[in-house]
Every structure is written in structure tokens, then in C-alpha cells.
Amino acid sequence: MIRAVFFDVGGTILDETREFATWADWLGVPRHTFSAVFGAVIARGLDYQEVFRAFRPDFDLTAELARRVAAGDPESFGEEDLYPDARACLTALKDQGLRVGLAGNQPEHAEATLRTLDLPVDVIGTSAAWGVSKPAPEFFDRVVRESGGDAAAILYVGDRPDNDAAPAMAAGMSACLIRRGPWGHILDMPDVADRCLFRIDSLHELPDLVARHNAAGG
């Protein structure tokens, strides 16, 4: 039985298109060029920060975030950046009596911003606040604690087989892969995808899948 559903943030409930466009502008790089390099970095299995270093070899994300704040151009997101299916999915899962949470790799400012969106969730966790990032096992240990302590009763939903599905399943959870965003479309790991409980193209699909799974007794 699924009793808790936790979601990755970027690429899963949050559309990062505008966010990455602002980074291209900040670096003075044409947006289509930035996107092309981004895709190449993902396809090669590299850390996403290599995208920035392709244009600025000494790029330091923490320092650059501070520079953006000082320049009055901070990295930010809002209601308009949520995927259209996100809020309805979270609400429907809450209506099923499930514990619902967000847990993703996000910078320090993101948790406060997520809270201002008043999403129907019980838990909001970020790598910056927890002091550990995916795919570290300790991150998923924290998800288990926040959900009530039973890994087998948790479904973790994300767009990345490497950072989301694989480590969640290694921690004893079930996983759901959503195919959207750059990682969801480019990073192909069939050995991971085949072990996921669900694979979806929209969060609209998820509440019914969870309800039917639980009705069948897990």
C-alpha cells in the first residue's frame, strides 16, 4: 500500500524553462545555445553545472547566485512556473488521505518560495535545508523519516532515473518516473525505468494509478 507520495521539485512539479532562460541571459549566451549545451551535458551523464562551466570555466554556483541577488536579478520562480498538472495532482493525492511531500535538490532560497505557493503538501524539504543532496542515500533516509518511517509505503516521483528513481528504490521505496523536462526526455536508463512502479507523461495520471494500486491491495 502507498501511504505517502514524495515529489522531486525541478522538472517534476516545477517547469524550469524560465529559470534556465534567465541563466542564459545572465551569462550572455543565446538561449538556444545554452539549451543545446544543456542537452549534451545530460546525454553525457555529467553534472548539470558543467553547462555553466562550458561558458565560464571558473563558474561557482553559490557565488554566482549571490552576484545575481546583488545585481537585483535573483534566481526565482513562482506560481506561473508550476506545471499545470501539479497542484491538481497534489490535491487529489491529499484527498485520498495520503501524506504528500516535496523533496528535491534546491538552493537555499527555494524552500521559502515553495512555502509561499501554499501547495497542498505536508512536507517541504530541500537539499540546502537538509544538508544533503540526491542521489545520496542520506537524502532518501530523510524522506523516509519525514514520511513516517516505512520506506515500503512511499512512492517517490521524479523526472530523473539516476537522481530520483534509482536511489529511491535502493532505499526501499517505490518509484514513478515522469517523462518531461530535459532529463526526462534525454536520460535513458531502461534498467531503472523497468523497475519503476509507474511511468507517466503527466501528473494527471498519477492519482488514479495510486488509487487503483491501493484498491488492489498494493
N, C-alpha and C. Protein backbone atom coordinates (compact mmCIF):
# COMPACT_ATOMS: atom_id res chain seq x y z
N MET A 1 0.84 -1.20 0.00
CA MET A 1 0.00 0.00 0.00
C MET A 1 0.87 1.25 0.00
N ILE A 2 0.50 2.21 -0.82
CA ILE A 2 1.18 3.50 -0.83
C ILE A 2 0.49 4.41 0.19
N ARG A 3 1.24 4.89 1.16
CA ARG A 3 0.68 5.76 2.18
C ARG A 3 1.26 7.16 2.13
N ALA A 4 2.35 7.33 1.38
CA ALA A 4 2.99 8.63 1.24
C ALA A 4 3.54 8.77 -0.17
N VAL A 5 3.40 9.96 -0.74
CA VAL A 5 3.95 10.25 -2.06
C VAL A 5 4.81 11.50 -1.95
N PHE A 6 6.08 11.35 -2.29
CA PHE A 6 7.01 12.48 -2.27
C PHE A 6 7.45 12.80 -3.69
N PHE A 7 7.58 14.09 -3.97
CA PHE A 7 7.89 14.56 -5.31
C PHE A 7 9.23 15.30 -5.35
N ASP A 8 10.00 15.02 -6.37
CA ASP A 8 11.09 15.90 -6.76
C ASP A 8 10.47 17.25 -7.12
N VAL A 9 11.28 18.29 -7.18
CA VAL A 9 10.76 19.63 -7.47
C VAL A 9 11.02 20.03 -8.92
N GLY A 10 12.27 20.40 -9.25
CA GLY A 10 12.57 20.86 -10.59
C GLY A 10 12.39 19.78 -11.64
N GLY A 11 11.62 20.07 -12.67
CA GLY A 11 11.37 19.11 -13.73
C GLY A 11 10.23 18.16 -13.44
N THR A 12 9.70 18.20 -12.22
CA THR A 12 8.61 17.32 -11.83
C THR A 12 7.34 18.10 -11.53
N ILE A 13 7.42 19.01 -10.55
CA ILE A 13 6.27 19.91 -10.34
C ILE A 13 6.57 21.31 -10.84
N LEU A 14 7.86 21.60 -10.99
CA LEU A 14 8.27 22.95 -11.37
C LEU A 14 8.91 22.94 -12.75
N ASP A 15 8.35 23.72 -13.66
CA ASP A 15 8.90 23.88 -15.01
C ASP A 15 10.06 24.86 -14.94
N GLU A 16 11.26 24.39 -15.25
CA GLU A 16 12.46 25.22 -15.10
C GLU A 16 12.83 25.98 -16.37
N THR A 17 11.94 26.00 -17.35
CA THR A 17 12.25 26.65 -18.62
C THR A 17 12.65 28.11 -18.43
N ARG A 18 11.84 28.86 -17.68
CA ARG A 18 12.13 30.29 -17.49
C ARG A 18 13.40 30.47 -16.67
N GLU A 19 13.59 29.61 -15.68
CA GLU A 19 14.78 29.71 -14.82
C GLU A 19 16.06 29.53 -15.63
N PHE A 20 16.08 28.53 -16.50
CA PHE A 20 17.28 28.31 -17.30
C PHE A 20 17.47 29.42 -18.34
N ALA A 21 16.38 29.97 -18.82
CA ALA A 21 16.48 31.09 -19.76
C ALA A 21 17.13 32.30 -19.09
N THR A 22 16.80 32.54 -17.82
CA THR A 22 17.42 33.67 -17.13
C THR A 22 18.91 33.44 -16.91
N TRP A 23 19.30 32.17 -16.74
CA TRP A 23 20.73 31.89 -16.60
C TRP A 23 21.46 32.13 -17.92
N ALA A 24 20.84 31.76 -19.02
CA ALA A 24 21.46 32.04 -20.32
C ALA A 24 21.66 33.53 -20.50
N ASP A 25 20.62 34.30 -20.15
CA ASP A 25 20.72 35.76 -20.26
C ASP A 25 21.81 36.30 -19.35
N TRP A 26 21.88 35.78 -18.14
CA TRP A 26 22.87 36.25 -17.17
C TRP A 26 24.29 36.00 -17.67
N LEU A 27 24.48 34.85 -18.31
CA LEU A 27 25.81 34.50 -18.82
C LEU A 27 26.10 35.15 -20.17
N GLY A 28 25.10 35.80 -20.76
CA GLY A 28 25.28 36.44 -22.06
C GLY A 28 25.37 35.44 -23.19
N VAL A 29 24.65 34.33 -23.05
CA VAL A 29 24.68 33.25 -24.04
C VAL A 29 23.31 33.15 -24.72
N PRO A 30 23.24 32.99 -26.03
CA PRO A 30 21.94 32.79 -26.67
C PRO A 30 21.20 31.61 -26.03
N ARG A 31 19.91 31.78 -25.83
CA ARG A 31 19.15 30.75 -25.12
C ARG A 31 19.19 29.41 -25.84
N HIS A 32 19.11 29.43 -27.16
CA HIS A 32 19.12 28.14 -27.88
C HIS A 32 20.47 27.45 -27.74
N THR A 33 21.55 28.24 -27.65
CA THR A 33 22.88 27.65 -27.45
C THR A 33 22.98 27.03 -26.06
N PHE A 34 22.51 27.76 -25.07
CA PHE A 34 22.51 27.24 -23.70
C PHE A 34 21.73 25.92 -23.64
N SER A 35 20.56 25.89 -24.27
CA SER A 35 19.73 24.68 -24.26
C SER A 35 20.43 23.51 -24.94
N ALA A 36 21.10 23.80 -26.06
CA ALA A 36 21.79 22.74 -26.78
C ALA A 36 22.92 22.14 -25.94
N VAL A 37 23.68 22.99 -25.28
CA VAL A 37 24.77 22.52 -24.42
C VAL A 37 24.19 21.75 -23.24
N PHE A 38 23.09 22.22 -22.70
CA PHE A 38 22.43 21.54 -21.60
C PHE A 38 22.09 20.09 -21.99
N GLY A 39 21.49 19.95 -23.17
CA GLY A 39 21.14 18.62 -23.64
C GLY A 39 22.35 17.72 -23.80
N ALA A 40 23.44 18.28 -24.30
CA ALA A 40 24.66 17.49 -24.49
C ALA A 40 25.24 17.05 -23.15
N VAL A 41 25.19 17.93 -22.16
CA VAL A 41 25.70 17.59 -20.82
C VAL A 41 24.88 16.45 -20.21
N ILE A 42 23.56 16.52 -20.34
CA ILE A 42 22.70 15.46 -19.81
C ILE A 42 22.99 14.14 -20.52
N ALA A 43 23.08 14.19 -21.85
CA ALA A 43 23.31 12.97 -22.63
C ALA A 43 24.63 12.30 -22.26
N ARG A 44 25.60 13.09 -21.84
CA ARG A 44 26.91 12.55 -21.46
C ARG A 44 26.95 12.12 -20.00
N GLY A 45 25.85 12.33 -19.26
CA GLY A 45 25.78 11.90 -17.87
C GLY A 45 26.57 12.76 -16.91
N LEU A 46 26.80 14.03 -17.28
CA LEU A 46 27.58 14.93 -16.44
C LEU A 46 26.70 15.72 -15.49
N ASP A 47 27.31 16.28 -14.46
CA ASP A 47 26.60 17.17 -13.55
C ASP A 47 26.11 18.39 -14.31
N TYR A 48 24.89 18.85 -13.99
CA TYR A 48 24.30 19.94 -14.77
C TYR A 48 25.12 21.22 -14.69
N GLN A 49 25.94 21.40 -13.64
CA GLN A 49 26.72 22.63 -13.53
C GLN A 49 27.80 22.71 -14.61
N GLU A 50 28.08 21.58 -15.27
CA GLU A 50 29.03 21.62 -16.39
C GLU A 50 28.49 22.46 -17.54
N VAL A 51 27.17 22.66 -17.58
CA VAL A 51 26.60 23.54 -18.60
C VAL A 51 27.16 24.95 -18.42
N PHE A 52 27.15 25.43 -17.19
CA PHE A 52 27.65 26.78 -16.91
C PHE A 52 29.15 26.88 -17.16
N ARG A 53 29.86 25.81 -16.79
CA ARG A 53 31.32 25.84 -16.94
C ARG A 53 31.74 25.77 -18.40
N ALA A 54 30.85 25.31 -19.26
CA ALA A 54 31.17 25.31 -20.70
C ALA A 54 31.33 26.73 -21.21
N PHE A 55 30.64 27.67 -20.57
CA PHE A 55 30.72 29.07 -20.99
C PHE A 55 31.60 29.90 -20.06
N ARG A 56 31.73 29.45 -18.81
CA ARG A 56 32.55 30.17 -17.84
C ARG A 56 33.25 29.12 -16.98
N PRO A 57 34.48 28.73 -17.35
CA PRO A 57 35.15 27.61 -16.69
C PRO A 57 35.30 27.74 -15.18
N ASP A 58 35.37 28.96 -14.66
CA ASP A 58 35.53 29.15 -13.22
C ASP A 58 34.20 29.35 -12.51
N PHE A 59 33.10 28.97 -13.16
CA PHE A 59 31.77 29.19 -12.61
C PHE A 59 31.61 28.52 -11.25
N ASP A 60 31.12 29.28 -10.27
CA ASP A 60 30.80 28.77 -8.94
C ASP A 60 29.35 29.14 -8.64
N LEU A 61 28.48 28.13 -8.52
CA LEU A 61 27.05 28.39 -8.42
C LEU A 61 26.70 29.25 -7.21
N THR A 62 27.25 28.94 -6.06
CA THR A 62 26.93 29.70 -4.85
C THR A 62 27.31 31.17 -5.00
N ALA A 63 28.50 31.39 -5.50
CA ALA A 63 28.96 32.77 -5.68
C ALA A 63 28.13 33.49 -6.74
N GLU A 64 27.77 32.78 -7.79
CA GLU A 64 27.01 33.41 -8.87
C GLU A 64 25.58 33.73 -8.42
N LEU A 65 24.99 32.87 -7.61
CA LEU A 65 23.66 33.17 -7.05
C LEU A 65 23.72 34.45 -6.24
N ALA A 66 24.78 34.62 -5.44
CA ALA A 66 24.93 35.83 -4.63
C ALA A 66 25.11 37.06 -5.52
N ARG A 67 25.85 36.91 -6.61
CA ARG A 67 26.03 38.04 -7.53
C ARG A 67 24.70 38.44 -8.17
N ARG A 68 23.89 37.45 -8.49
CA ARG A 68 22.59 37.77 -9.08
C ARG A 68 21.70 38.52 -8.09
N VAL A 69 21.74 38.11 -6.84
CA VAL A 69 20.97 38.82 -5.82
C VAL A 69 21.46 40.26 -5.70
N ALA A 70 22.76 40.44 -5.65
CA ALA A 70 23.34 41.77 -5.51
C ALA A 70 23.00 42.66 -6.71
N ALA A 71 22.85 42.05 -7.87
CA ALA A 71 22.54 42.80 -9.09
C ALA A 71 21.04 43.04 -9.27
N GLY A 72 20.24 42.55 -8.33
CA GLY A 72 18.78 42.72 -8.43
C GLY A 72 18.15 41.78 -9.44
N ASP A 73 18.83 40.69 -9.75
CA ASP A 73 18.32 39.72 -10.71
C ASP A 73 18.43 38.31 -10.12
N PRO A 74 17.78 38.07 -8.98
CA PRO A 74 17.94 36.76 -8.32
C PRO A 74 17.27 35.63 -9.09
N GLU A 75 17.79 34.43 -8.90
CA GLU A 75 17.11 33.25 -9.42
C GLU A 75 15.78 33.13 -8.67
N SER A 76 14.71 32.90 -9.38
CA SER A 76 13.41 32.86 -8.72
C SER A 76 12.42 32.04 -9.53
N PHE A 77 11.32 31.69 -8.88
CA PHE A 77 10.21 31.03 -9.56
C PHE A 77 8.94 31.40 -8.81
N GLY A 78 7.80 31.13 -9.44
CA GLY A 78 6.52 31.46 -8.83
C GLY A 78 5.42 30.55 -9.32
N GLU A 79 4.20 30.91 -8.99
CA GLU A 79 3.05 30.10 -9.38
C GLU A 79 3.03 29.82 -10.87
N GLU A 80 3.43 30.79 -11.66
CA GLU A 80 3.39 30.65 -13.11
C GLU A 80 4.38 29.60 -13.63
N ASP A 81 5.32 29.19 -12.78
CA ASP A 81 6.31 28.20 -13.20
C ASP A 81 5.93 26.78 -12.80
N LEU A 82 4.86 26.62 -12.03
CA LEU A 82 4.38 25.27 -11.73
C LEU A 82 3.83 24.65 -13.01
N TYR A 83 4.08 23.36 -13.20
CA TYR A 83 3.42 22.68 -14.30
C TYR A 83 1.91 22.72 -14.06
N PRO A 84 1.12 22.85 -15.12
CA PRO A 84 -0.34 22.99 -14.96
C PRO A 84 -1.01 21.84 -14.22
N ASP A 85 -0.38 20.65 -14.26
CA ASP A 85 -0.99 19.49 -13.62
C ASP A 85 -0.54 19.29 -12.17
N ALA A 86 0.38 20.12 -11.68
CA ALA A 86 1.00 19.87 -10.37
C ALA A 86 0.03 20.04 -9.20
N ARG A 87 -0.59 21.20 -9.11
CA ARG A 87 -1.43 21.48 -7.95
C ARG A 87 -2.61 20.51 -7.87
N ALA A 88 -3.23 20.21 -9.01
CA ALA A 88 -4.38 19.29 -9.00
C ALA A 88 -3.96 17.89 -8.56
N CYS A 89 -2.78 17.46 -8.97
CA CYS A 89 -2.28 16.14 -8.58
C CYS A 89 -2.05 16.08 -7.08
N LEU A 90 -1.38 17.07 -6.54
CA LEU A 90 -1.11 17.11 -5.10
C LEU A 90 -2.41 17.09 -4.30
N THR A 91 -3.37 17.88 -4.76
CA THR A 91 -4.67 17.95 -4.08
C THR A 91 -5.38 16.60 -4.10
N ALA A 92 -5.38 15.95 -5.26
CA ALA A 92 -6.07 14.67 -5.40
C ALA A 92 -5.45 13.60 -4.51
N LEU A 93 -4.13 13.61 -4.38
CA LEU A 93 -3.47 12.64 -3.51
C LEU A 93 -3.77 12.91 -2.05
N LYS A 94 -3.79 14.19 -1.67
CA LYS A 94 -4.17 14.54 -0.30
C LYS A 94 -5.60 14.09 -0.01
N ASP A 95 -6.48 14.23 -1.00
CA ASP A 95 -7.87 13.83 -0.83
C ASP A 95 -8.01 12.32 -0.63
N GLN A 96 -7.00 11.55 -1.06
CA GLN A 96 -7.00 10.11 -0.83
C GLN A 96 -6.51 9.75 0.57
N GLY A 97 -6.17 10.78 1.36
CA GLY A 97 -5.69 10.54 2.71
C GLY A 97 -4.21 10.22 2.81
N LEU A 98 -3.46 10.51 1.75
CA LEU A 98 -2.03 10.19 1.73
C LEU A 98 -1.20 11.34 2.29
N ARG A 99 -0.04 11.01 2.81
CA ARG A 99 0.92 12.03 3.20
C ARG A 99 1.66 12.45 1.94
N VAL A 100 1.71 13.74 1.68
CA VAL A 100 2.29 14.24 0.43
C VAL A 100 3.43 15.21 0.76
N GLY A 101 4.54 15.04 0.08
CA GLY A 101 5.68 15.91 0.35
C GLY A 101 6.46 16.27 -0.90
N LEU A 102 7.26 17.31 -0.77
CA LEU A 102 8.22 17.72 -1.79
C LEU A 102 9.61 17.51 -1.22
N ALA A 103 10.50 16.94 -2.00
CA ALA A 103 11.88 16.72 -1.54
C ALA A 103 12.79 16.73 -2.75
N GLY A 104 13.53 17.81 -2.93
CA GLY A 104 14.35 17.93 -4.12
C GLY A 104 15.65 18.67 -3.87
N ASN A 105 16.55 18.58 -4.83
CA ASN A 105 17.79 19.36 -4.79
C ASN A 105 17.47 20.79 -5.19
N GLN A 106 17.47 21.67 -4.20
CA GLN A 106 17.12 23.06 -4.44
C GLN A 106 18.00 23.97 -3.60
N PRO A 107 18.31 25.17 -4.11
CA PRO A 107 19.15 26.11 -3.36
C PRO A 107 18.41 26.70 -2.16
N GLU A 108 19.13 27.46 -1.38
CA GLU A 108 18.62 27.94 -0.09
C GLU A 108 17.33 28.74 -0.20
N HIS A 109 17.20 29.55 -1.24
CA HIS A 109 16.03 30.40 -1.34
C HIS A 109 14.76 29.64 -1.71
N ALA A 110 14.90 28.42 -2.23
CA ALA A 110 13.76 27.73 -2.83
C ALA A 110 12.71 27.30 -1.81
N GLU A 111 13.13 26.86 -0.62
CA GLU A 111 12.15 26.36 0.34
C GLU A 111 11.17 27.46 0.74
N ALA A 112 11.68 28.66 1.01
CA ALA A 112 10.79 29.76 1.37
C ALA A 112 9.83 30.09 0.24
N THR A 113 10.33 30.05 -0.99
CA THR A 113 9.48 30.34 -2.14
C THR A 113 8.40 29.27 -2.29
N LEU A 114 8.78 28.02 -2.13
CA LEU A 114 7.80 26.93 -2.23
C LEU A 114 6.71 27.09 -1.17
N ARG A 115 7.08 27.54 0.02
CA ARG A 115 6.08 27.71 1.07
C ARG A 115 5.10 28.83 0.74
N THR A 116 5.57 29.86 0.05
CA THR A 116 4.66 30.96 -0.31
C THR A 116 3.61 30.52 -1.33
N LEU A 117 3.86 29.41 -2.04
CA LEU A 117 2.90 28.95 -3.04
C LEU A 117 1.71 28.24 -2.41
N ASP A 118 1.79 27.95 -1.10
CA ASP A 118 0.68 27.33 -0.37
C ASP A 118 0.20 26.06 -1.08
N LEU A 119 1.13 25.20 -1.38
CA LEU A 119 0.80 23.94 -2.03
C LEU A 119 0.20 22.96 -1.02
N PRO A 120 -0.68 22.06 -1.47
CA PRO A 120 -1.32 21.11 -0.56
C PRO A 120 -0.38 19.95 -0.22
N VAL A 121 0.64 20.23 0.57
CA VAL A 121 1.61 19.21 0.95
C VAL A 121 1.84 19.26 2.46
N ASP A 122 2.31 18.15 2.99
CA ASP A 122 2.60 18.05 4.42
C ASP A 122 4.05 18.38 4.74
N VAL A 123 4.94 18.16 3.77
CA VAL A 123 6.37 18.32 3.99
C VAL A 123 6.98 19.05 2.80
N ILE A 124 7.87 20.00 3.08
CA ILE A 124 8.70 20.61 2.04
C ILE A 124 10.14 20.49 2.49
N GLY A 125 10.92 19.73 1.74
CA GLY A 125 12.32 19.53 2.07
C GLY A 125 13.21 19.85 0.89
N THR A 126 14.35 20.47 1.16
CA THR A 126 15.31 20.78 0.10
C THR A 126 16.70 20.33 0.53
N SER A 127 17.54 20.11 -0.45
CA SER A 127 18.91 19.70 -0.17
C SER A 127 19.64 20.76 0.66
N ALA A 128 19.37 22.03 0.37
CA ALA A 128 20.04 23.10 1.12
C ALA A 128 19.66 23.06 2.59
N ALA A 129 18.38 22.85 2.87
CA ALA A 129 17.91 22.84 4.26
C ALA A 129 18.32 21.56 4.98
N TRP A 130 18.32 20.44 4.25
CA TRP A 130 18.64 19.15 4.88
C TRP A 130 20.14 18.90 4.96
N GLY A 131 20.93 19.65 4.20
CA GLY A 131 22.38 19.47 4.23
C GLY A 131 22.88 18.25 3.51
N VAL A 132 22.06 17.72 2.60
CA VAL A 132 22.46 16.56 1.81
C VAL A 132 21.70 16.58 0.50
N SER A 133 22.33 16.14 -0.57
CA SER A 133 21.73 16.21 -1.90
C SER A 133 21.52 14.82 -2.48
N LYS A 134 20.50 14.71 -3.34
CA LYS A 134 20.33 13.49 -4.13
C LYS A 134 21.52 13.35 -5.08
N PRO A 135 21.95 12.15 -5.33
CA PRO A 135 21.34 10.86 -5.00
C PRO A 135 21.86 10.21 -3.73
N ALA A 136 22.44 10.97 -2.81
CA ALA A 136 23.00 10.38 -1.59
C ALA A 136 21.94 9.58 -0.82
N PRO A 137 22.28 8.41 -0.32
CA PRO A 137 21.32 7.63 0.46
C PRO A 137 20.76 8.39 1.64
N GLU A 138 21.57 9.28 2.22
CA GLU A 138 21.11 10.04 3.39
C GLU A 138 19.94 10.95 3.05
N PHE A 139 19.87 11.42 1.82
CA PHE A 139 18.74 12.25 1.41
C PHE A 139 17.46 11.42 1.48
N PHE A 140 17.51 10.21 0.97
CA PHE A 140 16.32 9.37 0.94
C PHE A 140 16.00 8.80 2.33
N ASP A 141 17.02 8.66 3.18
CA ASP A 141 16.76 8.32 4.57
C ASP A 141 15.92 9.41 5.23
N ARG A 142 16.21 10.65 4.88
CA ARG A 142 15.44 11.77 5.44
C ARG A 142 14.01 11.75 4.93
N VAL A 143 13.82 11.40 3.65
CA VAL A 143 12.47 11.26 3.11
C VAL A 143 11.68 10.22 3.90
N VAL A 144 12.34 9.09 4.19
CA VAL A 144 11.69 8.03 4.95
C VAL A 144 11.26 8.55 6.32
N ARG A 145 12.14 9.27 7.00
CA ARG A 145 11.80 9.80 8.32
C ARG A 145 10.63 10.78 8.24
N GLU A 146 10.65 11.64 7.22
CA GLU A 146 9.61 12.65 7.09
C GLU A 146 8.26 12.03 6.74
N SER A 147 8.30 10.82 6.17
CA SER A 147 7.05 10.19 5.74
C SER A 147 6.44 9.31 6.83
N GLY A 148 7.19 9.07 7.88
CA GLY A 148 6.65 8.24 8.95
C GLY A 148 7.46 7.00 9.24
N GLY A 149 8.50 6.72 8.45
CA GLY A 149 9.42 5.66 8.79
C GLY A 149 9.30 4.36 8.03
N ASP A 150 8.34 4.22 7.13
CA ASP A 150 8.16 2.97 6.39
C ASP A 150 8.48 3.20 4.92
N ALA A 151 9.69 2.84 4.51
CA ALA A 151 10.12 3.09 3.14
C ALA A 151 9.22 2.39 2.13
N ALA A 152 8.76 1.19 2.46
CA ALA A 152 7.96 0.41 1.52
C ALA A 152 6.61 1.04 1.22
N ALA A 153 6.19 1.98 2.06
CA ALA A 153 4.90 2.64 1.86
C ALA A 153 5.02 3.97 1.13
N ILE A 154 6.22 4.29 0.63
CA ILE A 154 6.47 5.57 -0.02
C ILE A 154 6.61 5.40 -1.52
N LEU A 155 5.99 6.29 -2.28
CA LEU A 155 6.22 6.41 -3.72
C LEU A 155 6.97 7.70 -3.94
N TYR A 156 8.14 7.62 -4.59
CA TYR A 156 8.90 8.83 -4.91
C TYR A 156 8.75 9.10 -6.41
N VAL A 157 8.40 10.33 -6.74
CA VAL A 157 8.10 10.72 -8.12
C VAL A 157 9.14 11.72 -8.61
N GLY A 158 9.77 11.43 -9.74
CA GLY A 158 10.75 12.34 -10.28
C GLY A 158 10.96 12.14 -11.76
N ASP A 159 11.72 13.05 -12.36
CA ASP A 159 11.98 13.00 -13.80
C ASP A 159 13.31 12.34 -14.14
N ARG A 160 14.13 12.05 -13.13
CA ARG A 160 15.47 11.54 -13.40
C ARG A 160 15.62 10.10 -12.90
N PRO A 161 15.99 9.18 -13.80
CA PRO A 161 16.24 7.82 -13.34
C PRO A 161 17.46 7.72 -12.43
N ASP A 162 18.46 8.56 -12.66
CA ASP A 162 19.70 8.48 -11.88
C ASP A 162 19.59 9.11 -10.50
N ASN A 163 19.01 10.29 -10.42
CA ASN A 163 18.93 11.03 -9.15
C ASN A 163 17.67 10.75 -8.35
N ASP A 164 16.63 10.28 -9.02
CA ASP A 164 15.33 10.11 -8.37
C ASP A 164 14.96 8.63 -8.21
N ALA A 165 14.68 7.97 -9.32
CA ALA A 165 14.13 6.62 -9.26
C ALA A 165 15.11 5.60 -8.67
N ALA A 166 16.33 5.56 -9.18
CA ALA A 166 17.28 4.53 -8.73
C ALA A 166 17.59 4.63 -7.24
N PRO A 167 17.95 5.82 -6.72
CA PRO A 167 18.25 5.87 -5.28
C PRO A 167 17.02 5.70 -4.40
N ALA A 168 15.85 6.11 -4.88
CA ALA A 168 14.62 5.88 -4.11
C ALA A 168 14.36 4.39 -3.96
N MET A 169 14.50 3.65 -5.06
CA MET A 169 14.28 2.21 -4.99
C MET A 169 15.35 1.53 -4.15
N ALA A 170 16.58 2.03 -4.20
CA ALA A 170 17.65 1.47 -3.38
C ALA A 170 17.37 1.66 -1.90
N ALA A 171 16.60 2.70 -1.58
CA ALA A 171 16.23 2.97 -0.19
C ALA A 171 15.00 2.20 0.24
N GLY A 172 14.42 1.40 -0.66
CA GLY A 172 13.27 0.58 -0.32
C GLY A 172 11.93 1.15 -0.72
N MET A 173 11.94 2.30 -1.41
CA MET A 173 10.70 2.93 -1.86
C MET A 173 10.28 2.40 -3.22
N SER A 174 9.04 2.67 -3.59
CA SER A 174 8.62 2.52 -4.99
C SER A 174 8.93 3.82 -5.71
N ALA A 175 9.03 3.76 -7.03
CA ALA A 175 9.36 4.96 -7.79
C ALA A 175 8.42 5.13 -8.97
N CYS A 176 8.24 6.40 -9.33
CA CYS A 176 7.48 6.77 -10.52
C CYS A 176 8.32 7.73 -11.32
N LEU A 177 8.55 7.43 -12.58
CA LEU A 177 9.27 8.32 -13.48
C LEU A 177 8.28 9.10 -14.34
N ILE A 178 8.46 10.41 -14.39
CA ILE A 178 7.65 11.22 -15.28
C ILE A 178 8.52 11.70 -16.44
N ARG A 179 8.03 11.54 -17.64
CA ARG A 179 8.81 11.85 -18.83
C ARG A 179 8.51 13.28 -19.29
N ARG A 180 9.26 14.21 -18.73
CA ARG A 180 9.21 15.60 -19.17
C ARG A 180 10.44 16.33 -18.67
N GLY A 181 10.66 17.51 -19.23
CA GLY A 181 11.88 18.22 -18.90
C GLY A 181 13.06 17.58 -19.61
N PRO A 182 14.22 18.24 -19.59
CA PRO A 182 15.38 17.73 -20.33
C PRO A 182 15.84 16.35 -19.89
N TRP A 183 15.92 16.10 -18.58
CA TRP A 183 16.37 14.78 -18.13
C TRP A 183 15.36 13.71 -18.49
N GLY A 184 14.08 14.01 -18.32
CA GLY A 184 13.05 13.03 -18.61
C GLY A 184 13.02 12.57 -20.05
N HIS A 185 13.43 13.45 -20.96
CA HIS A 185 13.41 13.10 -22.38
C HIS A 185 14.75 12.59 -22.90
N ILE A 186 15.85 12.98 -22.25
CA ILE A 186 17.17 12.65 -22.80
C ILE A 186 17.82 11.47 -22.09
N LEU A 187 17.71 11.44 -20.76
CA LEU A 187 18.45 10.44 -19.99
C LEU A 187 17.69 9.12 -19.99
N ASP A 188 18.19 8.17 -20.76
CA ASP A 188 17.52 6.88 -20.94
C ASP A 188 18.26 5.80 -20.16
N MET A 189 17.58 5.24 -19.15
CA MET A 189 18.16 4.16 -18.34
C MET A 189 17.10 3.07 -18.20
N PRO A 190 16.93 2.25 -19.24
CA PRO A 190 15.86 1.24 -19.24
C PRO A 190 15.90 0.30 -18.05
N ASP A 191 17.10 -0.03 -17.56
CA ASP A 191 17.21 -0.95 -16.43
C ASP A 191 16.57 -0.37 -15.19
N VAL A 192 16.59 0.97 -15.05
CA VAL A 192 15.94 1.65 -13.93
C VAL A 192 14.45 1.82 -14.21
N ALA A 193 14.13 2.31 -15.40
CA ALA A 193 12.73 2.56 -15.75
C ALA A 193 11.87 1.31 -15.63
N ASP A 194 12.43 0.16 -16.01
CA ASP A 194 11.66 -1.09 -16.00
C ASP A 194 11.32 -1.54 -14.58
N ARG A 195 12.05 -1.06 -13.60
CA ARG A 195 11.78 -1.44 -12.21
C ARG A 195 10.85 -0.47 -11.49
N CYS A 196 10.49 0.62 -12.16
CA CYS A 196 9.61 1.60 -11.54
C CYS A 196 8.17 1.08 -11.45
N LEU A 197 7.49 1.45 -10.42
CA LEU A 197 6.09 1.04 -10.27
C LEU A 197 5.23 1.67 -11.35
N PHE A 198 5.48 2.97 -11.62
CA PHE A 198 4.73 3.67 -12.66
C PHE A 198 5.69 4.47 -13.54
N ARG A 199 5.30 4.65 -14.81
CA ARG A 199 5.96 5.58 -15.72
C ARG A 199 4.86 6.39 -16.39
N ILE A 200 4.94 7.70 -16.28
CA ILE A 200 3.85 8.56 -16.72
C ILE A 200 4.38 9.71 -17.57
N ASP A 201 3.46 10.34 -18.30
CA ASP A 201 3.79 11.52 -19.09
C ASP A 201 3.18 12.78 -18.50
N SER A 202 2.27 12.62 -17.54
CA SER A 202 1.60 13.76 -16.92
C SER A 202 1.23 13.40 -15.49
N LEU A 203 1.29 14.38 -14.61
CA LEU A 203 0.87 14.14 -13.23
C LEU A 203 -0.63 13.91 -13.13
N HIS A 204 -1.38 14.27 -14.15
CA HIS A 204 -2.81 13.97 -14.15
C HIS A 204 -3.06 12.47 -14.03
N GLU A 205 -2.12 11.66 -14.50
CA GLU A 205 -2.29 10.20 -14.48
C GLU A 205 -2.12 9.61 -13.08
N LEU A 206 -1.35 10.27 -12.24
CA LEU A 206 -0.87 9.64 -11.02
C LEU A 206 -1.94 9.33 -9.97
N PRO A 207 -2.83 10.26 -9.62
CA PRO A 207 -3.80 9.92 -8.56
C PRO A 207 -4.60 8.66 -8.83
N ASP A 208 -5.05 8.47 -10.06
CA ASP A 208 -5.83 7.28 -10.38
C ASP A 208 -4.97 6.03 -10.30
N LEU A 209 -3.72 6.11 -10.75
CA LEU A 209 -2.83 4.96 -10.66
C LEU A 209 -2.61 4.55 -9.21
N VAL A 210 -2.40 5.53 -8.35
CA VAL A 210 -2.18 5.24 -6.93
C VAL A 210 -3.44 4.65 -6.31
N ALA A 211 -4.59 5.24 -6.62
CA ALA A 211 -5.85 4.74 -6.06
C ALA A 211 -6.10 3.30 -6.49
N ARG A 212 -5.87 2.98 -7.75
CA ARG A 212 -6.10 1.62 -8.23
C ARG A 212 -5.10 0.64 -7.61
N HIS A 213 -3.86 1.09 -7.46
CA HIS A 213 -2.85 0.25 -6.82
C HIS A 213 -3.24 -0.08 -5.39
N ASN A 214 -3.69 0.92 -4.65
CA ASN A 214 -4.08 0.68 -3.26
C ASN A 214 -5.36 -0.14 -3.15
N ALA A 215 -6.29 0.08 -4.07
CA ALA A 215 -7.54 -0.69 -4.07
C ALA A 215 -7.28 -2.17 -4.32
N ALA A 216 -6.20 -2.44 -5.08
CA ALA A 216 -5.84 -3.83 -5.38
C ALA A 216 -5.03 -4.46 -4.25
N GLY A 217 -4.81 -3.68 -3.19
CA GLY A 217 -4.07 -4.19 -2.04
C GLY A 217 -2.59 -4.04 -2.16
N GLY A 218 -2.16 -3.12 -3.03
CA GLY A 218 -0.73 -2.92 -3.23
C GLY A 218 -0.18 -3.91 -4.21
